[in-house]
Amino acid sequence: MPKKTTTDAAKILADIAGHDPKRRQAFEEAVANREVAQRIYELREQAGLSQTELAKRVGTTQSVISRLEDADYEGHSLAMLNRIAAAVERRVEIRFLPRRRRLQPA
């Protein structure tokens, strides 16, 4: 019987990371960075702001906002997230969640 393939990206990436703790940690960090970047982008879009407009409200430059919205950026700070949240009349909420079970290799 042929092996069943999956199109679930999380399962595919978990298979690539395997059981190597360092690879798994790097994967988890990459997912977290992508989620933060995506959320900043979504907040800005929902507020109807350009990167330049948000930057002015936050007191920074457009290039900083662009970098913060980049999934590969690893320098998100709580202070900057709070400034962005305030600029779009939101607040930051930090939660610690259990690791996702779906990240286990199939």
C-alpha atoms as a PDB file:
ATOM      1  CA  MET A   1       0.000   0.000   0.000  1.00  0.00           C
ATOM      2  CA  PRO A   2       1.474   3.433  -0.928  1.00  0.00           C
ATOM      3  CA  LYS A   3       2.419   5.799   1.898  1.00  0.00           C
ATOM      4  CA  LYS A   4      -0.247   8.448   2.514  1.00  0.00           C
ATOM      5  CA  THR A   5       1.042  11.974   1.894  1.00  0.00           C
ATOM      6  CA  THR A   6       0.016  15.105   3.745  1.00  0.00           C
ATOM      7  CA  THR A   7      -0.403  18.710   2.713  1.00  0.00           C
ATOM      8  CA  ASP A   8      -0.457  19.974   6.334  1.00  0.00           C
ATOM      9  CA  ALA A   9       2.482  22.399   6.483  1.00  0.00           C
ATOM     10  CA  ALA A  10       2.917  22.030  10.245  1.00  0.00           C
ATOM     11  CA  LYS A  11       3.197  18.243   9.930  1.00  0.00           C
ATOM     12  CA  ILE A  12       5.623  18.521   7.039  1.00  0.00           C
ATOM     13  CA  LEU A  13       7.842  20.952   8.941  1.00  0.00           C
ATOM     14  CA  ALA A  14       7.645  18.844  12.097  1.00  0.00           C
ATOM     15  CA  ASP A  15       8.799  15.852  10.061  1.00  0.00           C
ATOM     16  CA  ILE A  16      11.738  17.894   8.790  1.00  0.00           C
ATOM     17  CA  ALA A  17      12.654  18.987  12.331  1.00  0.00           C
ATOM     18  CA  GLY A  18      12.374  15.392  13.504  1.00  0.00           C
ATOM     19  CA  HIS A  19      13.340  14.699  17.085  1.00  0.00           C
ATOM     20  CA  ASP A  20      16.271  17.154  17.179  1.00  0.00           C
ATOM     21  CA  PRO A  21      15.526  19.549  20.085  1.00  0.00           C
ATOM     22  CA  LYS A  22      17.545  22.405  18.534  1.00  0.00           C
ATOM     23  CA  ARG A  23      15.695  22.116  15.232  1.00  0.00           C
ATOM     24  CA  ARG A  24      12.360  21.950  17.023  1.00  0.00           C
ATOM     25  CA  GLN A  25      13.251  25.055  19.084  1.00  0.00           C
ATOM     26  CA  ALA A  26      14.244  26.940  15.932  1.00  0.00           C
ATOM     27  CA  PHE A  27      10.979  25.876  14.297  1.00  0.00           C
ATOM     28  CA  GLU A  28       8.926  27.075  17.286  1.00  0.00           C
ATOM     29  CA  GLU A  29      10.744  30.426  17.276  1.00  0.00           C
ATOM     30  CA  ALA A  30      10.179  30.866  13.552  1.00  0.00           C
ATOM     31  CA  VAL A  31       6.462  30.167  13.985  1.00  0.00           C
ATOM     32  CA  ALA A  32       6.246  32.696  16.837  1.00  0.00           C
ATOM     33  CA  ASN A  33       8.081  35.373  14.804  1.00  0.00           C
ATOM     34  CA  ARG A  34       5.779  34.783  11.848  1.00  0.00           C
ATOM     35  CA  GLU A  35       2.693  35.059  14.058  1.00  0.00           C
ATOM     36  CA  VAL A  36       3.841  38.348  15.622  1.00  0.00           C
ATOM     37  CA  ALA A  37       4.709  39.825  12.228  1.00  0.00           C
ATOM     38  CA  GLN A  38       1.372  38.718  10.787  1.00  0.00           C
ATOM     39  CA  ARG A  39      -0.546  40.176  13.720  1.00  0.00           C
ATOM     40  CA  ILE A  40       1.211  43.556  13.398  1.00  0.00           C
ATOM     41  CA  TYR A  41       0.349  43.617   9.699  1.00  0.00           C
ATOM     42  CA  GLU A  42      -3.289  42.683  10.393  1.00  0.00           C
ATOM     43  CA  LEU A  43      -3.656  45.351  13.102  1.00  0.00           C
ATOM     44  CA  ARG A  44      -2.249  48.005  10.795  1.00  0.00           C
ATOM     45  CA  GLU A  45      -4.507  46.958   7.917  1.00  0.00           C
ATOM     46  CA  GLN A  46      -7.591  46.837  10.160  1.00  0.00           C
ATOM     47  CA  ALA A  47      -6.793  50.352  11.347  1.00  0.00           C
ATOM     48  CA  GLY A  48      -6.582  51.468   7.710  1.00  0.00           C
ATOM     49  CA  LEU A  49      -3.028  52.730   8.112  1.00  0.00           C
ATOM     50  CA  SER A  50      -0.038  52.620   5.815  1.00  0.00           C
ATOM     51  CA  GLN A  51       3.313  51.638   7.260  1.00  0.00           C
ATOM     52  CA  THR A  52       4.307  55.309   7.177  1.00  0.00           C
ATOM     53  CA  GLU A  53       1.166  56.397   9.028  1.00  0.00           C
ATOM     54  CA  LEU A  54       1.631  53.756  11.724  1.00  0.00           C
ATOM     55  CA  ALA A  55       5.298  54.700  12.036  1.00  0.00           C
ATOM     56  CA  LYS A  56       4.347  58.337  12.684  1.00  0.00           C
ATOM     57  CA  ARG A  57       1.885  57.304  15.387  1.00  0.00           C
ATOM     58  CA  VAL A  58       4.465  55.026  17.003  1.00  0.00           C
ATOM     59  CA  GLY A  59       7.301  57.541  16.721  1.00  0.00           C
ATOM     60  CA  THR A  60       9.520  55.510  14.421  1.00  0.00           C
ATOM     61  CA  THR A  61      10.193  55.106  10.715  1.00  0.00           C
ATOM     62  CA  GLN A  62       8.412  53.211   7.966  1.00  0.00           C
ATOM     63  CA  SER A  63      11.428  50.914   7.601  1.00  0.00           C
ATOM     64  CA  VAL A  64      11.092  49.810  11.245  1.00  0.00           C
ATOM     65  CA  ILE A  65       7.426  48.943  10.705  1.00  0.00           C
ATOM     66  CA  SER A  66       8.341  47.061   7.544  1.00  0.00           C
ATOM     67  CA  ARG A  67      10.970  45.086   9.438  1.00  0.00           C
ATOM     68  CA  LEU A  68       8.509  44.291  12.252  1.00  0.00           C
ATOM     69  CA  GLU A  69       6.055  42.926   9.674  1.00  0.00           C
ATOM     70  CA  ASP A  70       8.742  40.647   8.207  1.00  0.00           C
ATOM     71  CA  ALA A  71       8.257  37.021   9.292  1.00  0.00           C
ATOM     72  CA  ASP A  72      12.034  36.532   9.398  1.00  0.00           C
ATOM     73  CA  TYR A  73      12.602  39.377  11.875  1.00  0.00           C
ATOM     74  CA  GLU A  74      13.623  38.149  15.323  1.00  0.00           C
ATOM     75  CA  GLY A  75      13.854  41.408  17.281  1.00  0.00           C
ATOM     76  CA  HIS A  76      10.299  42.090  18.404  1.00  0.00           C
ATOM     77  CA  SER A  77      10.349  43.814  21.776  1.00  0.00           C
ATOM     78  CA  LEU A  78       7.514  44.105  24.237  1.00  0.00           C
ATOM     79  CA  ALA A  79       8.064  47.868  24.406  1.00  0.00           C
ATOM     80  CA  MET A  80       7.607  48.246  20.641  1.00  0.00           C
ATOM     81  CA  LEU A  81       4.588  45.937  20.624  1.00  0.00           C
ATOM     82  CA  ASN A  82       3.016  48.096  23.342  1.00  0.00           C
ATOM     83  CA  ARG A  83       3.687  51.253  21.288  1.00  0.00           C
ATOM     84  CA  ILE A  84       2.078  49.692  18.214  1.00  0.00           C
ATOM     85  CA  ALA A  85      -0.903  48.507  20.244  1.00  0.00           C
ATOM     86  CA  ALA A  86      -1.420  51.977  21.706  1.00  0.00           C
ATOM     87  CA  ALA A  87      -1.211  53.521  18.226  1.00  0.00           C
ATOM     88  CA  VAL A  88      -4.176  51.416  17.079  1.00  0.00           C
ATOM     89  CA  GLU A  89      -6.049  51.634  20.408  1.00  0.00           C
ATOM     90  CA  ARG A  90      -5.293  48.092  21.494  1.00  0.00           C
ATOM     91  CA  ARG A  91      -3.354  46.453  24.290  1.00  0.00           C
ATOM     92  CA  VAL A  92      -0.853  43.618  24.229  1.00  0.00           C
ATOM     93  CA  GLU A  93      -1.773  40.366  25.931  1.00  0.00           C
ATOM     94  CA  ILE A  94       0.895  37.773  26.665  1.00  0.00           C
ATOM     95  CA  ARG A  95      -0.101  34.134  27.092  1.00  0.00           C
ATOM     96  CA  PHE A  96       1.937  31.026  27.705  1.00  0.00           C
ATOM     97  CA  LEU A  97       0.383  28.038  25.972  1.00  0.00           C
ATOM     98  CA  PRO A  98       1.250  24.360  25.905  1.00  0.00           C
ATOM     99  CA  ARG A  99       3.289  23.273  22.928  1.00  0.00           C
ATOM    100  CA  ARG A 100       1.158  22.309  19.976  1.00  0.00           C
ATOM    101  CA  ARG A 101       0.630  18.609  19.752  1.00  0.00           C
ATOM    102  CA  ARG A 102       0.256  18.827  15.975  1.00  0.00           C
ATOM    103  CA  LEU A 103       3.975  19.527  15.726  1.00  0.00           C
ATOM    104  CA  GLN A 104       4.699  15.885  16.472  1.00  0.00           C
ATOM    105  CA  PRO A 105       6.037  13.991  13.458  1.00  0.00           C
ATOM    106  CA  ALA A 106       3.339  11.990  11.684  1.00  0.00           C
END
